[in-house]
């Protein structure tokens, strides 16, 4: 299971922005590899 770790300064993103980034990373990984996006962990 691929894991992507993202770091940003504290309080620079709200939870909605974090969710959008995580979804975009999962979607792009799925697009590039053909693996289902639910296999991707973004933290």
PDB file of N, CA and C in Angstrom:
ATOM      1  N   UNK A   1       0.842  -1.166   0.000  1.00  0.00           N
ATOM      2  CA  UNK A   1       0.000   0.000   0.000  1.00  0.00           C
ATOM      3  C   UNK A   1       0.898   1.245   0.000  1.00  0.00           C
ATOM      4  N   UNK A   2       0.799   2.078  -1.031  1.00  0.00           N
ATOM      5  CA  UNK A   2       1.624   3.281  -1.079  1.00  0.00           C
ATOM      6  C   UNK A   2       1.177   4.302  -0.032  1.00  0.00           C
ATOM      7  N   UNK A   3       2.142   4.963   0.543  1.00  0.00           N
ATOM      8  CA  UNK A   3       1.864   5.992   1.543  1.00  0.00           C
ATOM      9  C   UNK A   3       2.572   7.278   1.141  1.00  0.00           C
ATOM     10  N   UNK A   4       1.826   8.364   1.114  1.00  0.00           N
ATOM     11  CA  UNK A   4       2.369   9.678   0.830  1.00  0.00           C
ATOM     12  C   UNK A   4       2.261  10.505   2.108  1.00  0.00           C
ATOM     13  N   UNK A   5       3.361  11.097   2.524  1.00  0.00           N
ATOM     14  CA  UNK A   5       3.377  11.934   3.716  1.00  0.00           C
ATOM     15  C   UNK A   5       3.565  13.378   3.268  1.00  0.00           C
ATOM     16  N   UNK A   6       2.640  14.227   3.660  1.00  0.00           N
ATOM     17  CA  UNK A   6       2.666  15.634   3.273  1.00  0.00           C
ATOM     18  C   UNK A   6       2.869  16.491   4.514  1.00  0.00           C
ATOM     19  N   UNK A   7       3.673  17.526   4.386  1.00  0.00           N
ATOM     20  CA  UNK A   7       3.914  18.440   5.504  1.00  0.00           C
ATOM     21  C   UNK A   7       3.663  19.873   5.058  1.00  0.00           C
ATOM     22  N   UNK A   8       2.944  20.595   5.877  1.00  0.00           N
ATOM     23  CA  UNK A   8       2.705  22.022   5.654  1.00  0.00           C
ATOM     24  C   UNK A   8       2.810  22.720   7.004  1.00  0.00           C
ATOM     25  N   UNK A   9       3.051  24.017   7.000  1.00  0.00           N
ATOM     26  CA  UNK A   9       3.094  24.741   8.274  1.00  0.00           C
ATOM     27  C   UNK A   9       1.756  24.610   9.015  1.00  0.00           C
ATOM     28  N   UNK A  10       1.803  24.561  10.338  1.00  0.00           N
ATOM     29  CA  UNK A  10       0.572  24.448  11.123  1.00  0.00           C
ATOM     30  C   UNK A  10      -0.435  25.543  10.776  1.00  0.00           C
ATOM     31  N   UNK A  11      -1.680  25.165  10.743  1.00  0.00           N
ATOM     32  CA  UNK A  11      -2.820  26.077  10.511  1.00  0.00           C
ATOM     33  C   UNK A  11      -2.802  26.754   9.145  1.00  0.00           C
ATOM     34  N   UNK A  12      -2.041  26.227   8.190  1.00  0.00           N
ATOM     35  CA  UNK A  12      -2.010  26.853   6.868  1.00  0.00           C
ATOM     36  C   UNK A  12      -3.108  26.302   5.948  1.00  0.00           C
ATOM     37  N   UNK A  13      -3.685  25.148   6.299  1.00  0.00           N
ATOM     38  CA  UNK A  13      -4.765  24.557   5.509  1.00  0.00           C
ATOM     39  C   UNK A  13      -5.905  24.156   6.442  1.00  0.00           C
ATOM     40  N   UNK A  14      -7.147  24.323   5.954  1.00  0.00           N
ATOM     41  CA  UNK A  14      -8.265  23.824   6.754  1.00  0.00           C
ATOM     42  C   UNK A  14      -8.533  22.365   6.366  1.00  0.00           C
ATOM     43  N   UNK A  15      -9.451  21.725   7.057  1.00  0.00           N
ATOM     44  CA  UNK A  15      -9.677  20.293   6.830  1.00  0.00           C
ATOM     45  C   UNK A  15     -10.201  20.010   5.422  1.00  0.00           C
ATOM     46  N   UNK A  16     -10.976  20.923   4.868  1.00  0.00           N
ATOM     47  CA  UNK A  16     -11.476  20.751   3.508  1.00  0.00           C
ATOM     48  C   UNK A  16     -10.330  20.769   2.494  1.00  0.00           C
ATOM     49  N   UNK A  17      -9.404  21.670   2.671  1.00  0.00           N
ATOM     50  CA  UNK A  17      -8.250  21.743   1.770  1.00  0.00           C
ATOM     51  C   UNK A  17      -7.394  20.489   1.889  1.00  0.00           C
ATOM     52  N   UNK A  18      -7.211  20.007   3.104  1.00  0.00           N
ATOM     53  CA  UNK A  18      -6.439  18.774   3.310  1.00  0.00           C
ATOM     54  C   UNK A  18      -7.117  17.599   2.620  1.00  0.00           C
ATOM     55  N   UNK A  19      -8.441  17.517   2.733  1.00  0.00           N
ATOM     56  CA  UNK A  19      -9.192  16.443   2.074  1.00  0.00           C
ATOM     57  C   UNK A  19      -9.048  16.514   0.558  1.00  0.00           C
ATOM     58  N   UNK A  20      -9.102  17.721   0.015  1.00  0.00           N
ATOM     59  CA  UNK A  20      -8.968  17.904  -1.430  1.00  0.00           C
ATOM     60  C   UNK A  20      -7.584  17.481  -1.917  1.00  0.00           C
ATOM     61  N   UNK A  21      -6.555  17.818  -1.167  1.00  0.00           N
ATOM     62  CA  UNK A  21      -5.188  17.434  -1.535  1.00  0.00           C
ATOM     63  C   UNK A  21      -5.028  15.917  -1.480  1.00  0.00           C
ATOM     64  N   UNK A  22      -5.533  15.312  -0.413  1.00  0.00           N
ATOM     65  CA  UNK A  22      -5.441  13.854  -0.274  1.00  0.00           C
ATOM     66  C   UNK A  22      -6.174  13.153  -1.414  1.00  0.00           C
ATOM     67  N   UNK A  23      -7.352  13.631  -1.767  1.00  0.00           N
ATOM     68  CA  UNK A  23      -8.118  13.032  -2.862  1.00  0.00           C
ATOM     69  C   UNK A  23      -7.385  13.181  -4.192  1.00  0.00           C
ATOM     70  N   UNK A  24      -6.772  14.341  -4.419  1.00  0.00           N
ATOM     71  CA  UNK A  24      -6.032  14.566  -5.666  1.00  0.00           C
ATOM     72  C   UNK A  24      -4.813  13.653  -5.762  1.00  0.00           C
ATOM     73  N   UNK A  25      -4.113  13.460  -4.653  1.00  0.00           N
ATOM     74  CA  UNK A  25      -2.949  12.572  -4.649  1.00  0.00           C
ATOM     75  C   UNK A  25      -3.389  11.140  -4.928  1.00  0.00           C
ATOM     76  N   UNK A  26      -4.449  10.692  -4.261  1.00  0.00           N
ATOM     77  CA  UNK A  26      -4.948   9.330  -4.464  1.00  0.00           C
ATOM     78  C   UNK A  26      -5.404   9.121  -5.908  1.00  0.00           C
ATOM     79  N   UNK A  27      -6.126  10.108  -6.458  1.00  0.00           N
ATOM     80  CA  UNK A  27      -6.610  10.003  -7.833  1.00  0.00           C
ATOM     81  C   UNK A  27      -5.438   9.946  -8.819  1.00  0.00           C
ATOM     82  N   UNK A  28      -4.442  10.798  -8.622  1.00  0.00           N
ATOM     83  CA  UNK A  28      -3.291  10.833  -9.533  1.00  0.00           C
ATOM     84  C   UNK A  28      -2.504   9.536  -9.456  1.00  0.00           C
ATOM     85  N   UNK A  29      -2.328   9.005  -8.260  1.00  0.00           N
ATOM     86  CA  UNK A  29      -1.632   7.730  -8.112  1.00  0.00           C
ATOM     87  C   UNK A  29      -2.395   6.631  -8.853  1.00  0.00           C
ATOM     88  N   UNK A  30      -3.696   6.616  -8.679  1.00  0.00           N
ATOM     89  CA  UNK A  30      -4.534   5.618  -9.352  1.00  0.00           C
ATOM     90  C   UNK A  30      -4.431   5.760 -10.870  1.00  0.00           C
ATOM     91  N   UNK A  31      -4.475   6.979 -11.349  1.00  0.00           N
ATOM     92  CA  UNK A  31      -4.377   7.238 -12.784  1.00  0.00           C
ATOM     93  C   UNK A  31      -3.032   6.759 -13.341  1.00  0.00           C
ATOM     94  N   UNK A  32      -1.963   6.998 -12.596  1.00  0.00           N
ATOM     95  CA  UNK A  32      -0.620   6.652 -13.062  1.00  0.00           C
ATOM     96  C   UNK A  32      -0.326   5.156 -12.998  1.00  0.00           C
ATOM     97  N   UNK A  33      -0.915   4.470 -12.005  1.00  0.00           N
ATOM     98  CA  UNK A  33      -0.562   3.064 -11.791  1.00  0.00           C
ATOM     99  C   UNK A  33      -1.652   2.082 -12.185  1.00  0.00           C
ATOM    100  N   UNK A  34      -2.897   2.566 -12.256  1.00  0.00           N
ATOM    101  CA  UNK A  34      -4.019   1.679 -12.531  1.00  0.00           C
ATOM    102  C   UNK A  34      -4.558   0.994 -11.278  1.00  0.00           C
ATOM    103  N   UNK A  35      -3.929   1.236 -10.139  1.00  0.00           N
ATOM    104  CA  UNK A  35      -4.383   0.651  -8.877  1.00  0.00           C
ATOM    105  C   UNK A  35      -5.579   1.446  -8.352  1.00  0.00           C
ATOM    106  N   UNK A  36      -6.486   0.800  -7.636  1.00  0.00           N
ATOM    107  CA  UNK A  36      -7.607   1.535  -7.046  1.00  0.00           C
ATOM    108  C   UNK A  36      -7.126   2.627  -6.081  1.00  0.00           C
ATOM    109  N   UNK A  37      -7.792   3.768  -6.109  1.00  0.00           N
ATOM    110  CA  UNK A  37      -7.357   4.886  -5.283  1.00  0.00           C
ATOM    111  C   UNK A  37      -7.494   4.605  -3.794  1.00  0.00           C
ATOM    112  N   UNK A  38      -8.377   3.671  -3.405  1.00  0.00           N
ATOM    113  CA  UNK A  38      -8.524   3.385  -1.977  1.00  0.00           C
ATOM    114  C   UNK A  38      -7.321   2.650  -1.400  1.00  0.00           C
ATOM    115  N   UNK A  39      -6.384   2.204  -2.239  1.00  0.00           N
ATOM    116  CA  UNK A  39      -5.155   1.588  -1.744  1.00  0.00           C
ATOM    117  C   UNK A  39      -4.140   2.626  -1.241  1.00  0.00           C
ATOM    118  N   UNK A  40      -4.356   3.884  -1.590  1.00  0.00           N
ATOM    119  CA  UNK A  40      -3.389   4.937  -1.281  1.00  0.00           C
ATOM    120  C   UNK A  40      -3.668   5.528   0.101  1.00  0.00           C
ATOM    121  N   UNK A  41      -2.604   5.706   0.866  1.00  0.00           N
ATOM    122  CA  UNK A  41      -2.698   6.386   2.154  1.00  0.00           C
ATOM    123  C   UNK A  41      -2.021   7.746   2.018  1.00  0.00           C
ATOM    124  N   UNK A  42      -2.717   8.772   2.415  1.00  0.00           N
ATOM    125  CA  UNK A  42      -2.143  10.112   2.420  1.00  0.00           C
ATOM    126  C   UNK A  42      -2.257  10.640   3.841  1.00  0.00           C
ATOM    127  N   UNK A  43      -1.104  10.998   4.417  1.00  0.00           N
ATOM    128  CA  UNK A  43      -1.138  11.531   5.784  1.00  0.00           C
ATOM    129  C   UNK A  43      -0.229  12.736   5.887  1.00  0.00           C
TER     130      UNK A  43
END
